[in-house]
Protein backbone atom coordinates (compact mmCIF):
# COMPACT_ATOMS: atom_id res chain seq x y z
CA MET A 1 43.73 -29.15 -3.72
CA SER A 2 40.01 -28.08 -5.53
CA SER A 3 37.76 -28.21 -3.29
CA GLY A 4 35.37 -27.94 -6.75
CA LYS A 5 33.56 -24.75 -5.34
CA ASP A 6 34.24 -21.52 -7.31
CA TYR A 7 35.55 -18.23 -5.79
CA ARG A 8 32.79 -16.38 -5.38
CA ALA A 9 33.08 -12.33 -3.46
CA TRP A 10 29.92 -10.90 -2.47
CA GLU A 11 29.08 -7.88 -1.37
CA TYR A 12 27.40 -7.01 1.36
CA ARG A 13 24.71 -5.33 3.29
CA GLU A 14 22.85 -5.25 6.19
CA VAL A 15 18.52 -4.11 6.53
CA SER A 16 17.45 -2.43 9.53
CA LEU A 17 13.13 -2.44 8.94
CA PRO A 18 10.23 -3.32 10.72
CA ASP A 19 9.58 -7.52 11.18
CA SER A 20 6.15 -7.04 9.55
CA LYS A 21 7.78 -6.13 6.02
CA ALA A 22 10.77 -8.23 6.49
CA SER A 23 9.10 -11.15 4.30
CA PHE A 24 8.59 -8.70 1.99
CA TYR A 25 11.77 -6.66 1.71
CA LEU A 26 13.58 -10.02 1.62
CA ASP A 27 11.49 -11.45 -1.19
CA CYS A 28 11.89 -8.34 -3.33
CA CYS A 29 15.61 -8.48 -2.45
CA GLU A 30 16.39 -12.01 -4.65
CA ASN A 31 14.71 -10.07 -7.45
CA PHE A 32 18.26 -7.28 -7.65
CA GLY A 33 20.31 -10.48 -6.79
CA TRP A 34 20.54 -10.34 -2.64
CA GLN A 35 19.94 -13.24 -0.66
CA GLN A 36 20.65 -13.65 2.85
CA ASP A 37 23.64 -14.06 4.65
CA GLU A 38 23.31 -17.44 6.50
CA ASN A 39 25.92 -16.98 8.64
CA PHE A 40 24.07 -14.52 9.98
CA PRO A 41 20.12 -15.50 10.83
CA PRO A 42 17.51 -12.07 11.04
CA GLN A 43 17.65 -10.80 14.56
CA ALA A 44 15.21 -9.00 16.21
CA ALA A 45 14.71 -6.43 18.31
CA ARG A 46 11.59 -3.63 19.17
CA GLY A 47 9.47 -4.74 16.58
CA LYS A 48 12.96 -4.08 13.97
CA VAL A 49 14.69 -6.62 12.43
CA VAL A 50 18.05 -6.16 10.76
CA LEU A 51 18.60 -8.50 7.51
CA LYS A 52 22.24 -9.44 6.66
CA LEU A 53 21.93 -9.75 2.76
CA LYS A 54 25.26 -10.45 0.04
CA ARG A 55 24.96 -10.67 -3.94
CA ASP A 56 27.73 -12.15 -6.31
CA ARG A 57 29.86 -9.01 -6.80
CA ARG A 58 30.65 -9.96 -10.35
CA ILE A 59 26.17 -10.43 -11.06
CA LEU A 60 25.66 -9.22 -14.99
CA ASN A 61 23.27 -5.88 -14.80
CA LYS A 62 24.43 -4.92 -11.54
CA THR A 63 24.30 -0.87 -12.64
CA GLU A 64 20.36 -1.89 -13.47
CA LEU A 65 19.83 -4.13 -10.70
CA THR A 66 20.98 -1.49 -8.36
CA ARG A 67 19.28 1.72 -9.83
CA LEU A 68 15.93 -0.66 -10.04
CA GLN A 69 16.25 -1.32 -5.97
CA ARG A 70 16.79 2.35 -5.69
CA HIS A 71 13.57 2.60 -6.91
CA PHE A 72 12.27 0.09 -5.20
CA GLU A 73 13.61 1.90 -1.67
CA ALA A 74 12.18 4.98 -3.08
CA ASP A 75 8.21 3.50 -3.49
CA LEU A 76 8.80 1.64 -0.28
CA ALA A 77 9.45 4.53 1.71
CA GLU A 78 6.16 6.32 0.10
CA ILE A 79 4.18 3.66 1.03
CA ALA A 80 5.99 3.92 4.70
CA ALA A 81 5.21 7.81 4.45
CA LEU A 82 1.74 7.19 3.35
CA GLU A 83 1.22 5.06 6.05
CA ARG A 84 1.90 7.82 8.73
CA SER A 85 -0.14 9.70 7.09
CA LYS A 86 -3.40 8.57 8.14
CA THR A 87 -2.85 8.99 11.60
CA THR A 88 -1.42 12.37 11.54
CA ALA A 89 -3.95 14.18 10.53
CA ALA A 90 -6.45 12.06 13.39
CA ASN A 91 -3.77 13.35 15.77
CA LEU A 92 -3.36 16.10 15.24
CA PHE A 93 -7.60 16.89 15.58
CA ALA A 94 -7.99 14.23 18.68
CA LEU A 95 -5.17 16.05 19.98
CA LEU A 96 -7.32 20.01 19.95
CA THR A 97 -10.51 18.24 21.08
CA GLY A 98 -9.25 17.35 23.95
CA LEU A 99 -7.25 20.09 24.23
CA LEU A 100 -10.33 22.14 23.95
CA GLY A 101 -12.33 20.21 26.07
CA THR A 102 -9.73 20.92 28.80
CA ALA A 103 -9.63 24.92 27.87
CA PHE A 104 -13.45 24.73 29.10
CA MET A 105 -12.78 22.31 32.11
CA ALA A 106 -10.82 24.47 33.33
CA GLY A 107 -13.40 27.85 32.76
CA SER A 108 -15.69 25.52 34.59
CA THR A 109 -13.07 25.06 37.53
CA PHE A 110 -12.12 28.71 37.69
CA ALA A 111 -16.58 29.07 37.93
CA ALA A 112 -16.93 27.08 41.08
CA VAL A 113 -14.04 28.68 42.77
CA ALA A 114 -14.84 31.90 41.84
CA ASP A 115 -16.14 33.73 45.04
CA PRO A 116 -18.99 33.61 44.87
CA PRO A 117 -18.96 30.64 43.04
CA ILE A 118 -21.35 30.59 38.91
CA VAL A 119 -22.56 27.42 39.93
CA TRP A 120 -24.82 27.74 36.18
CA LEU A 121 -21.23 28.96 34.71
CA CYS A 122 -19.57 25.72 35.93
CA ILE A 123 -22.26 23.61 34.76
CA LEU A 124 -22.73 25.33 31.28
CA LEU A 125 -18.79 25.06 30.90
CA ALA A 126 -18.44 21.54 31.57
CA ILE A 127 -20.98 19.58 29.64
CA PRO A 128 -18.41 20.94 26.37
CA GLY A 129 -15.89 20.22 28.76
CA PHE A 130 -16.63 16.44 28.90
CA GLY A 131 -17.36 16.56 25.11
CA GLY A 132 -13.90 17.22 24.23
CA TRP A 133 -12.67 14.72 26.92
CA ILE A 134 -15.14 12.72 25.48
CA ALA A 135 -14.79 12.97 21.66
CA PRO A 136 -11.51 12.66 20.58
CA LEU A 137 -11.33 8.80 20.62
CA PHE A 138 -14.58 9.16 18.86
CA LEU A 139 -13.47 11.70 16.24
CA TYR A 140 -10.06 10.13 15.63
CA ARG A 141 -11.03 6.98 14.65
CA ALA A 142 -13.44 8.52 11.55
CA ALA A 143 -10.63 11.45 10.63
CA ARG A 144 -8.29 7.62 10.50
CA ASP A 145 -10.78 6.00 8.65
CA LYS A 146 -12.00 8.50 5.95
CA LYS A 147 -7.67 9.52 5.61
CA ALA A 148 -6.99 5.43 5.19
CA ARG A 149 -9.67 5.45 2.79
CA GLN A 150 -7.90 7.68 0.72
CA VAL A 151 -4.91 7.11 0.24
CA GLN A 152 -5.59 2.99 0.33
CA PRO A 153 -5.31 3.60 -3.48
CA PHE A 154 -2.21 5.48 -3.65
CA ILE A 155 -0.67 2.98 -1.88
CA GLU A 156 -2.04 -0.02 -3.47
CA ALA A 157 -1.06 1.57 -7.02
CA LYS A 158 2.88 1.80 -5.17
CA LEU A 159 2.49 -1.46 -4.39
CA GLU A 160 2.06 -2.45 -8.18
CA GLU A 161 5.33 -0.41 -9.50
CA ILE A 162 7.11 -2.62 -6.78
CA TYR A 163 6.65 -5.71 -8.52
CA GLU A 164 6.73 -4.02 -11.90
CA ILE A 165 9.99 -3.14 -10.75
CA CYS A 166 10.34 -7.07 -9.18
CA GLU A 167 9.49 -8.09 -12.52
CA LYS A 168 11.95 -6.20 -13.87
CA GLY A 169 14.77 -6.89 -11.89
CA HIS A 170 14.04 -10.58 -11.54
CA SER A 171 13.97 -10.82 -15.76
CA LEU A 172 17.78 -9.43 -15.56
CA LEU A 173 18.62 -12.32 -13.11
């Protein structure tokens, strides 16, 4: 009794990634022979999506497709690192500025509670203290935007590389 279907053996893969990247990842993985497993829809939790993929075990050019896929995933990891680098230095700079402002405020407080209180020193230290508490927001934004402008060409180059890899993978299917 034949049902009209040919037997296929599948290999399976489970991938967890940010939900903002899920559609892009699915589109790209199709170029390496992967397709979403229709038996398991994507599962979203806490900003992440778990995708279950499958592809034919007897796919032609499997070795080359796997090599291209690894290159694709390495490029995705580099893009993620570049995205994180946009805020890393800005966070550090803002935190250090806030900490410095707190140190000035501590000095101002000690001057105010001294016996006798040194009001002029309290005021003198409070001014940069308040500045150190207000400035981090603006410094963070400026540093983040500057770094974003610096890394954006690298991100675009990696995306172009990904598109070329996907094109090569698609031509092998």
